[in-house]
Amino acid sequence: MHQIRNEGKIALHIDIKENEYVHEILPVSLQLLVENAIKHNMATVDKPLIIHIYLENGYIVVNNNIQKMATQIASTKIGLKNLNERIRLVTGKEIIISKSEEYFMVKVPLII
């Protein structure tokens, strides 16, 4: 829906082939991560928000470019904390968060 409403401002790339995806993920985890990327970043036609979703070594990865807004929304990181707790209860593993000046990445363990 966000892609339709913000035509040309958000580029969502899902690089997972049909036969590649044989494991499960925690319900709604991808939605939360994509919505976080949209909530915390500016997106314009000239500078679109680019979100990549792909598999890597037993994780599903959501990676987006960082484009700070003029007025930043204060983040409590409660969404990521809650996701991590749910993941830990189900898989015994934790999410991996990586951030630089250019990107923000979250790796969520697949349920095997």
C-alpha atoms as a PDB file:
ATOM      1  CA  MET A   1       0.000   0.000   0.000  1.00  0.00           C
ATOM      2  CA  HIS A   2       2.833   2.375   0.823  1.00  0.00           C
ATOM      3  CA  GLN A   3       4.353   1.802  -2.629  1.00  0.00           C
ATOM      4  CA  ILE A   4       1.053   2.680  -4.294  1.00  0.00           C
ATOM      5  CA  ARG A   5       0.432   5.739  -2.106  1.00  0.00           C
ATOM      6  CA  ASN A   6       4.026   6.968  -2.473  1.00  0.00           C
ATOM      7  CA  GLU A   7       4.528   6.077  -6.125  1.00  0.00           C
ATOM      8  CA  GLY A   8       8.164   6.491  -7.100  1.00  0.00           C
ATOM      9  CA  LYS A   9       9.226   7.381  -3.556  1.00  0.00           C
ATOM     10  CA  ILE A  10       9.687   3.843  -2.205  1.00  0.00           C
ATOM     11  CA  ALA A  11      11.497   1.034  -3.993  1.00  0.00           C
ATOM     12  CA  LEU A  12      10.920  -2.394  -2.464  1.00  0.00           C
ATOM     13  CA  HIS A  13      13.190  -5.151  -3.782  1.00  0.00           C
ATOM     14  CA  ILE A  14      12.449  -8.707  -2.657  1.00  0.00           C
ATOM     15  CA  ASP A  15      15.281 -10.950  -3.784  1.00  0.00           C
ATOM     16  CA  ILE A  16      13.919 -14.325  -2.742  1.00  0.00           C
ATOM     17  CA  LYS A  17      13.174 -16.971  -5.325  1.00  0.00           C
ATOM     18  CA  GLU A  18      10.166 -19.240  -4.887  1.00  0.00           C
ATOM     19  CA  ASN A  19      12.214 -22.414  -4.420  1.00  0.00           C
ATOM     20  CA  GLU A  20      14.706 -20.635  -2.145  1.00  0.00           C
ATOM     21  CA  TYR A  21      12.229 -19.950   0.643  1.00  0.00           C
ATOM     22  CA  VAL A  22      11.629 -23.197   2.526  1.00  0.00           C
ATOM     23  CA  HIS A  23      11.589 -21.929   6.110  1.00  0.00           C
ATOM     24  CA  GLU A  24       9.152 -19.818   8.084  1.00  0.00           C
ATOM     25  CA  ILE A  25       9.484 -16.445   9.756  1.00  0.00           C
ATOM     26  CA  LEU A  26       7.667 -15.011  12.722  1.00  0.00           C
ATOM     27  CA  PRO A  27       4.316 -13.561  11.562  1.00  0.00           C
ATOM     28  CA  VAL A  28       4.243  -9.792  10.980  1.00  0.00           C
ATOM     29  CA  SER A  29       8.025  -9.410  11.482  1.00  0.00           C
ATOM     30  CA  LEU A  30       8.633  -8.249   7.901  1.00  0.00           C
ATOM     31  CA  GLN A  31       5.738  -5.816   8.052  1.00  0.00           C
ATOM     32  CA  LEU A  32       7.123  -4.243  11.232  1.00  0.00           C
ATOM     33  CA  LEU A  33      10.589  -3.796   9.703  1.00  0.00           C
ATOM     34  CA  VAL A  34       9.311  -2.315   6.433  1.00  0.00           C
ATOM     35  CA  GLU A  35       7.002   0.063   8.310  1.00  0.00           C
ATOM     36  CA  ASN A  36       9.905   1.130  10.555  1.00  0.00           C
ATOM     37  CA  ALA A  37      11.994   1.959   7.475  1.00  0.00           C
ATOM     38  CA  ILE A  38       9.173   4.090   6.089  1.00  0.00           C
ATOM     39  CA  LYS A  39       8.441   5.765   9.435  1.00  0.00           C
ATOM     40  CA  HIS A  40      12.033   6.811  10.149  1.00  0.00           C
ATOM     41  CA  ASN A  41      13.182   7.908   6.687  1.00  0.00           C
ATOM     42  CA  MET A  42      12.392  10.591   4.170  1.00  0.00           C
ATOM     43  CA  ALA A  43      11.361   9.420   0.703  1.00  0.00           C
ATOM     44  CA  THR A  44      11.036  11.555  -2.426  1.00  0.00           C
ATOM     45  CA  VAL A  45      10.926  10.812  -6.133  1.00  0.00           C
ATOM     46  CA  ASP A  46      14.452  12.264  -6.454  1.00  0.00           C
ATOM     47  CA  LYS A  47      15.747  10.350  -3.398  1.00  0.00           C
ATOM     48  CA  PRO A  48      13.629   7.226  -2.989  1.00  0.00           C
ATOM     49  CA  LEU A  49      13.728   5.032   0.085  1.00  0.00           C
ATOM     50  CA  ILE A  50      15.195   1.729  -1.091  1.00  0.00           C
ATOM     51  CA  ILE A  51      14.277  -1.370   0.901  1.00  0.00           C
ATOM     52  CA  HIS A  52      15.883  -4.736   0.125  1.00  0.00           C
ATOM     53  CA  ILE A  53      14.610  -8.058   1.509  1.00  0.00           C
ATOM     54  CA  TYR A  54      16.725 -11.163   0.949  1.00  0.00           C
ATOM     55  CA  LEU A  55      17.958 -14.384   2.560  1.00  0.00           C
ATOM     56  CA  GLU A  56      21.451 -14.743   4.013  1.00  0.00           C
ATOM     57  CA  ASN A  57      22.872 -17.647   6.024  1.00  0.00           C
ATOM     58  CA  GLY A  58      19.689 -18.657   7.872  1.00  0.00           C
ATOM     59  CA  TYR A  59      18.337 -15.110   8.223  1.00  0.00           C
ATOM     60  CA  ILE A  60      15.875 -12.981   6.341  1.00  0.00           C
ATOM     61  CA  VAL A  61      17.411  -9.529   5.951  1.00  0.00           C
ATOM     62  CA  VAL A  62      15.665  -6.172   5.662  1.00  0.00           C
ATOM     63  CA  ASN A  63      18.082  -3.468   4.579  1.00  0.00           C
ATOM     64  CA  ASN A  64      17.258   0.148   3.758  1.00  0.00           C
ATOM     65  CA  ASN A  65      19.154   3.288   2.910  1.00  0.00           C
ATOM     66  CA  ILE A  66      19.089   5.997   5.588  1.00  0.00           C
ATOM     67  CA  GLN A  67      17.611   9.336   4.599  1.00  0.00           C
ATOM     68  CA  LYS A  68      17.120  11.418   7.709  1.00  0.00           C
ATOM     69  CA  MET A  69      14.056  13.606   7.907  1.00  0.00           C
ATOM     70  CA  ALA A  70      14.333  17.289   8.737  1.00  0.00           C
ATOM     71  CA  THR A  71      12.516  16.605  12.010  1.00  0.00           C
ATOM     72  CA  GLN A  72      13.367  13.223  13.455  1.00  0.00           C
ATOM     73  CA  ILE A  73      10.715  11.088  15.120  1.00  0.00           C
ATOM     74  CA  ALA A  74      11.948  10.058  18.545  1.00  0.00           C
ATOM     75  CA  SER A  75      12.407   6.307  18.596  1.00  0.00           C
ATOM     76  CA  THR A  76      11.928   4.198  21.696  1.00  0.00           C
ATOM     77  CA  LYS A  77      13.041   1.108  19.703  1.00  0.00           C
ATOM     78  CA  ILE A  78      10.219  -0.750  21.467  1.00  0.00           C
ATOM     79  CA  GLY A  79       9.162  -2.379  18.178  1.00  0.00           C
ATOM     80  CA  LEU A  80      12.625  -3.861  17.657  1.00  0.00           C
ATOM     81  CA  LYS A  81      12.860  -4.869  21.324  1.00  0.00           C
ATOM     82  CA  ASN A  82       9.494  -6.644  21.164  1.00  0.00           C
ATOM     83  CA  LEU A  83      10.423  -8.351  17.888  1.00  0.00           C
ATOM     84  CA  ASN A  84      13.725  -9.510  19.368  1.00  0.00           C
ATOM     85  CA  GLU A  85      11.990 -10.927  22.438  1.00  0.00           C
ATOM     86  CA  ARG A  86       9.448 -12.822  20.324  1.00  0.00           C
ATOM     87  CA  ILE A  87      12.202 -14.164  18.053  1.00  0.00           C
ATOM     88  CA  ARG A  88      14.272 -15.266  21.065  1.00  0.00           C
ATOM     89  CA  LEU A  89      11.309 -17.129  22.572  1.00  0.00           C
ATOM     90  CA  VAL A  90      10.598 -18.984  19.301  1.00  0.00           C
ATOM     91  CA  THR A  91      14.092 -19.620  17.908  1.00  0.00           C
ATOM     92  CA  GLY A  92      16.485 -19.195  20.836  1.00  0.00           C
ATOM     93  CA  LYS A  93      18.361 -16.641  18.678  1.00  0.00           C
ATOM     94  CA  GLU A  94      18.294 -12.861  18.520  1.00  0.00           C
ATOM     95  CA  ILE A  95      17.870 -10.412  15.697  1.00  0.00           C
ATOM     96  CA  ILE A  96      21.027  -8.738  14.416  1.00  0.00           C
ATOM     97  CA  ILE A  97      20.911  -4.972  13.930  1.00  0.00           C
ATOM     98  CA  SER A  98      23.548  -3.163  11.915  1.00  0.00           C
ATOM     99  CA  LYS A  99      23.645   0.568  11.221  1.00  0.00           C
ATOM    100  CA  SER A 100      25.978   2.912   9.397  1.00  0.00           C
ATOM    101  CA  GLU A 101      25.661   6.425   8.008  1.00  0.00           C
ATOM    102  CA  GLU A 102      24.269   4.969   4.769  1.00  0.00           C
ATOM    103  CA  TYR A 103      22.104   2.000   5.771  1.00  0.00           C
ATOM    104  CA  PHE A 104      20.077   0.269   8.473  1.00  0.00           C
ATOM    105  CA  MET A 105      19.864  -3.519   8.441  1.00  0.00           C
ATOM    106  CA  VAL A 106      17.994  -6.063  10.554  1.00  0.00           C
ATOM    107  CA  LYS A 107      18.572  -9.812  10.234  1.00  0.00           C
ATOM    108  CA  VAL A 108      15.792 -12.028  11.543  1.00  0.00           C
ATOM    109  CA  PRO A 109      16.545 -15.717  12.144  1.00  0.00           C
ATOM    110  CA  LEU A 110      14.477 -18.111  10.075  1.00  0.00           C
ATOM    111  CA  ILE A 111      12.397 -20.684  11.912  1.00  0.00           C
ATOM    112  CA  ILE A 112      13.835 -24.066  10.989  1.00  0.00           C
END
